[in-house]
Amino acid sequence: MLGFGISTPDQAREARRHADGVVVGAAVVRRVLDGAGPDDLRAFLATLRQALDQECDRPR
């Protein structure tokens, strides 16, 4: 798992190419501290999940 500096879908996708998973804890906490609500977090996590799903569908 990789988790340092991953805060965008593109970064998550790139990290996934080199690891079995990604950790985005600080990116979520940063959004909460900036005032994000549950719907904002859900949308953010959905964009990360979509990027990871696309990467997983690609042949290695």
N, C-alpha and C. Protein backbone atom coordinates (compact mmCIF):
# COMPACT_ATOMS: atom_id res chain seq x y z
N MET A 1 0.85 -1.17 0.00
CA MET A 1 0.00 0.00 0.00
C MET A 1 0.89 1.24 0.00
N LEU A 2 0.47 2.24 -0.75
CA LEU A 2 1.15 3.53 -0.76
C LEU A 2 0.21 4.58 -0.21
N GLY A 3 0.77 5.56 0.51
CA GLY A 3 -0.12 6.55 1.08
C GLY A 3 0.49 7.91 1.32
N PHE A 4 1.66 8.15 0.86
CA PHE A 4 2.27 9.46 1.10
C PHE A 4 2.01 10.38 -0.09
N GLY A 5 1.34 11.50 0.16
CA GLY A 5 1.13 12.51 -0.88
C GLY A 5 0.05 12.18 -1.88
N ILE A 6 -0.81 11.25 -1.58
CA ILE A 6 -1.88 10.89 -2.52
C ILE A 6 -3.13 11.67 -2.13
N SER A 7 -3.52 12.59 -3.01
CA SER A 7 -4.69 13.40 -2.70
C SER A 7 -5.56 13.70 -3.91
N THR A 8 -5.21 13.13 -5.07
CA THR A 8 -6.02 13.33 -6.27
C THR A 8 -6.27 11.99 -6.94
N PRO A 9 -7.30 11.91 -7.77
CA PRO A 9 -7.54 10.67 -8.51
C PRO A 9 -6.33 10.26 -9.37
N ASP A 10 -5.69 11.21 -10.02
CA ASP A 10 -4.52 10.88 -10.85
C ASP A 10 -3.39 10.30 -10.02
N GLN A 11 -3.16 10.87 -8.84
CA GLN A 11 -2.12 10.34 -7.96
C GLN A 11 -2.48 8.95 -7.46
N ALA A 12 -3.73 8.72 -7.14
CA ALA A 12 -4.18 7.40 -6.69
C ALA A 12 -4.00 6.38 -7.81
N ARG A 13 -4.37 6.77 -9.02
CA ARG A 13 -4.23 5.88 -10.17
C ARG A 13 -2.76 5.51 -10.39
N GLU A 14 -1.89 6.49 -10.34
CA GLU A 14 -0.46 6.24 -10.53
C GLU A 14 0.09 5.35 -9.41
N ALA A 15 -0.28 5.61 -8.18
CA ALA A 15 0.19 4.80 -7.06
C ALA A 15 -0.28 3.36 -7.20
N ARG A 16 -1.48 3.18 -7.68
CA ARG A 16 -2.05 1.84 -7.84
C ARG A 16 -1.25 1.01 -8.83
N ARG A 17 -0.58 1.67 -9.75
CA ARG A 17 0.25 0.95 -10.72
C ARG A 17 1.44 0.26 -10.05
N HIS A 18 1.79 0.71 -8.85
CA HIS A 18 2.99 0.22 -8.17
C HIS A 18 2.68 -0.48 -6.85
N ALA A 19 1.42 -0.55 -6.46
CA ALA A 19 1.07 -1.13 -5.16
C ALA A 19 -0.30 -1.81 -5.27
N ASP A 20 -0.61 -2.59 -4.25
CA ASP A 20 -1.91 -3.26 -4.22
C ASP A 20 -3.04 -2.35 -3.77
N GLY A 21 -2.70 -1.20 -3.19
CA GLY A 21 -3.73 -0.29 -2.72
C GLY A 21 -3.14 1.06 -2.38
N VAL A 22 -4.02 2.01 -2.09
CA VAL A 22 -3.59 3.36 -1.73
C VAL A 22 -4.30 3.80 -0.45
N VAL A 23 -3.64 4.70 0.27
CA VAL A 23 -4.19 5.26 1.51
C VAL A 23 -4.32 6.77 1.31
N VAL A 24 -5.48 7.31 1.60
CA VAL A 24 -5.71 8.75 1.37
C VAL A 24 -6.22 9.44 2.64
N GLY A 25 -5.81 8.98 3.77
CA GLY A 25 -6.31 9.52 5.05
C GLY A 25 -6.11 11.01 5.21
N ALA A 26 -4.91 11.50 4.96
CA ALA A 26 -4.64 12.93 5.16
C ALA A 26 -5.47 13.78 4.20
N ALA A 27 -5.69 13.28 2.99
CA ALA A 27 -6.50 14.03 2.02
C ALA A 27 -7.94 14.18 2.52
N VAL A 28 -8.46 13.15 3.15
CA VAL A 28 -9.82 13.20 3.70
C VAL A 28 -9.86 14.16 4.89
N VAL A 29 -8.91 14.02 5.80
CA VAL A 29 -8.86 14.90 6.97
C VAL A 29 -8.72 16.35 6.55
N ARG A 30 -7.89 16.62 5.57
CA ARG A 30 -7.71 18.00 5.09
C ARG A 30 -9.04 18.58 4.61
N ARG A 31 -9.81 17.79 3.90
CA ARG A 31 -11.11 18.27 3.43
C ARG A 31 -12.07 18.54 4.59
N VAL A 32 -12.06 17.67 5.58
CA VAL A 32 -12.91 17.88 6.76
C VAL A 32 -12.52 19.18 7.46
N LEU A 33 -11.22 19.39 7.64
CA LEU A 33 -10.76 20.61 8.30
C LEU A 33 -11.10 21.86 7.49
N ASP A 34 -11.21 21.70 6.17
CA ASP A 34 -11.59 22.82 5.31
C ASP A 34 -13.10 23.01 5.22
N GLY A 35 -13.85 22.17 5.95
CA GLY A 35 -15.30 22.35 6.03
C GLY A 35 -16.13 21.41 5.18
N ALA A 36 -15.52 20.41 4.59
CA ALA A 36 -16.28 19.47 3.77
C ALA A 36 -17.26 18.69 4.63
N GLY A 37 -18.43 18.48 4.07
CA GLY A 37 -19.45 17.68 4.75
C GLY A 37 -19.49 16.27 4.19
N PRO A 38 -20.40 15.46 4.69
CA PRO A 38 -20.50 14.07 4.25
C PRO A 38 -20.68 13.92 2.73
N ASP A 39 -21.51 14.77 2.14
CA ASP A 39 -21.72 14.66 0.69
C ASP A 39 -20.45 15.01 -0.08
N ASP A 40 -19.71 16.01 0.40
CA ASP A 40 -18.44 16.39 -0.24
C ASP A 40 -17.44 15.24 -0.16
N LEU A 41 -17.35 14.63 1.01
CA LEU A 41 -16.42 13.51 1.18
C LEU A 41 -16.81 12.32 0.33
N ARG A 42 -18.10 12.05 0.28
CA ARG A 42 -18.59 10.95 -0.55
C ARG A 42 -18.23 11.18 -2.01
N ALA A 43 -18.39 12.40 -2.49
CA ALA A 43 -18.06 12.71 -3.88
C ALA A 43 -16.56 12.58 -4.13
N PHE A 44 -15.75 13.07 -3.19
CA PHE A 44 -14.29 12.96 -3.33
C PHE A 44 -13.87 11.49 -3.38
N LEU A 45 -14.37 10.70 -2.45
CA LEU A 45 -14.01 9.28 -2.41
C LEU A 45 -14.50 8.55 -3.65
N ALA A 46 -15.63 8.96 -4.19
CA ALA A 46 -16.13 8.35 -5.42
C ALA A 46 -15.19 8.61 -6.59
N THR A 47 -14.61 9.82 -6.66
CA THR A 47 -13.67 10.10 -7.75
C THR A 47 -12.41 9.26 -7.61
N LEU A 48 -11.96 9.06 -6.38
CA LEU A 48 -10.78 8.20 -6.17
C LEU A 48 -11.10 6.76 -6.55
N ARG A 49 -12.26 6.29 -6.11
CA ARG A 49 -12.65 4.91 -6.41
C ARG A 49 -12.76 4.69 -7.91
N GLN A 50 -13.34 5.65 -8.61
CA GLN A 50 -13.48 5.53 -10.06
C GLN A 50 -12.11 5.44 -10.72
N ALA A 51 -11.17 6.26 -10.29
CA ALA A 51 -9.82 6.23 -10.85
C ALA A 51 -9.16 4.89 -10.58
N LEU A 52 -9.32 4.37 -9.37
CA LEU A 52 -8.72 3.08 -9.04
C LEU A 52 -9.37 1.94 -9.82
N ASP A 53 -10.67 1.99 -9.98
CA ASP A 53 -11.36 0.96 -10.75
C ASP A 53 -10.88 0.98 -12.19
N GLN A 54 -10.70 2.15 -12.76
CA GLN A 54 -10.20 2.25 -14.13
C GLN A 54 -8.80 1.65 -14.24
N GLU A 55 -7.96 1.91 -13.25
CA GLU A 55 -6.61 1.38 -13.27
C GLU A 55 -6.63 -0.14 -13.13
N CYS A 56 -7.51 -0.67 -12.30
CA CYS A 56 -7.58 -2.11 -12.09
C CYS A 56 -8.08 -2.82 -13.35
N ASP A 57 -8.85 -2.13 -14.16
CA ASP A 57 -9.38 -2.74 -15.40
C ASP A 57 -8.33 -2.79 -16.50
N ARG A 58 -7.25 -2.02 -16.34
CA ARG A 58 -6.19 -2.02 -17.36
C ARG A 58 -5.30 -3.25 -17.21
N PRO A 59 -4.92 -3.83 -18.33
CA PRO A 59 -3.97 -4.96 -18.24
C PRO A 59 -2.60 -4.46 -17.76
N ARG A 60 -1.93 -5.28 -16.98
CA ARG A 60 -0.58 -4.91 -16.49
C ARG A 60 0.48 -5.38 -17.43
